[in-house]
Amino acid sequence: MFPSVTQSTFLSFDCVELGPEMKFLSVDYTVRCDTSQYTYFSVFNYIVLFLFVLGVPFICSFILYKNRQEFLTGERNSSFN
């Protein structure tokens, strides 16, 4: 799921020029890149990009780093028993 969401998020920023002053979203040719619909779509994509695409790996890395001693020594924290 993560790779497909990441790919879709980045593809949703790509506009294709199909003629003079005619740019459309590459994943949905009904959305023109010079309209407010594209602007709203881009805002949503930035939110997904920061929260999901960048946020999930960051949070997982933070949790692993914070608990690295427990992973390395094999000791368990008593609060998780």
Protein backbone atom coordinates (compact mmCIF):
# COMPACT_ATOMS: atom_id res chain seq x y z
CA MET A 1 0.00 0.00 0.00
CA PHE A 2 2.77 2.45 0.89
CA PRO A 3 4.58 2.31 -2.48
CA SER A 4 1.37 2.73 -4.47
CA VAL A 5 0.24 5.72 -2.37
CA THR A 6 3.69 7.27 -2.71
CA GLN A 7 3.68 6.79 -6.47
CA SER A 8 0.16 8.18 -6.82
CA THR A 9 1.05 11.20 -4.70
CA PHE A 10 4.04 12.12 -6.85
CA LEU A 11 2.24 11.41 -10.12
CA SER A 12 -0.58 13.71 -9.06
CA PHE A 13 1.75 16.71 -9.35
CA ASP A 14 2.64 15.96 -12.97
CA CYS A 15 0.93 18.02 -15.66
CA VAL A 16 1.02 17.12 -19.36
CA GLU A 17 0.85 19.75 -22.09
CA LEU A 18 -1.57 18.62 -24.80
CA GLY A 19 -1.62 21.83 -26.79
CA PRO A 20 -0.94 25.51 -26.59
CA GLU A 21 -1.95 26.62 -23.09
CA MET A 22 -3.66 23.28 -22.41
CA LYS A 23 -2.08 21.46 -19.47
CA PHE A 24 -3.86 18.55 -17.85
CA LEU A 25 -3.12 16.39 -14.85
CA SER A 26 -1.35 13.26 -16.08
CA VAL A 27 -3.38 10.88 -13.90
CA ASP A 28 -6.75 12.52 -14.68
CA TYR A 29 -7.20 14.32 -17.99
CA THR A 30 -10.43 15.94 -16.80
CA VAL A 31 -8.44 18.19 -14.44
CA ARG A 32 -6.76 21.20 -16.04
CA CYS A 33 -3.62 22.41 -14.30
CA ASP A 34 -4.62 26.07 -14.43
CA THR A 35 -7.88 25.71 -12.49
CA SER A 36 -8.83 25.95 -8.83
CA GLN A 37 -9.69 22.25 -8.91
CA TYR A 38 -6.01 21.48 -9.52
CA THR A 39 -5.02 23.86 -6.73
CA TYR A 40 -7.25 22.01 -4.25
CA PHE A 41 -5.94 18.72 -5.58
CA SER A 42 -2.35 19.91 -5.05
CA VAL A 43 -3.05 21.03 -1.49
CA PHE A 44 -4.48 17.60 -0.70
CA ASN A 45 -1.43 15.96 -2.30
CA TYR A 46 0.96 18.05 -0.20
CA ILE A 47 -0.92 17.02 2.95
CA VAL A 48 -0.69 13.34 1.97
CA LEU A 49 2.96 13.79 1.04
CA PHE A 50 3.95 15.24 4.41
CA LEU A 51 1.69 13.16 6.66
CA PHE A 52 1.84 9.78 5.00
CA VAL A 53 4.74 9.56 2.55
CA LEU A 54 7.25 11.35 4.79
CA GLY A 55 5.54 11.08 8.18
CA VAL A 56 5.14 7.31 8.48
CA PRO A 57 8.82 6.46 7.81
CA PHE A 58 9.92 9.29 10.10
CA ILE A 59 7.72 8.10 12.97
CA CYS A 60 8.81 4.48 12.51
CA SER A 61 12.47 5.53 12.45
CA PHE A 62 11.97 7.65 15.56
CA ILE A 63 10.35 4.76 17.47
CA LEU A 64 13.12 2.38 16.43
CA TYR A 65 15.83 4.86 17.37
CA LYS A 66 14.21 5.61 20.72
CA ASN A 67 14.01 1.92 21.60
CA ARG A 68 17.32 0.85 20.05
CA GLN A 69 18.86 -0.29 23.35
CA GLU A 70 15.99 -2.67 23.97
CA PHE A 71 16.39 -4.12 20.50
CA LEU A 72 20.15 -4.48 20.82
CA THR A 73 20.20 -6.01 24.31
CA GLY A 74 17.02 -8.03 24.06
CA GLU A 75 15.69 -6.60 27.34
CA ARG A 76 12.03 -5.71 27.51
CA ASN A 77 10.61 -2.59 29.09
CA SER A 78 8.40 -3.49 32.07
CA SER A 79 5.69 -1.10 30.90
CA PHE A 80 5.00 -3.33 27.88
CA ASN A 81 4.53 -6.60 29.80
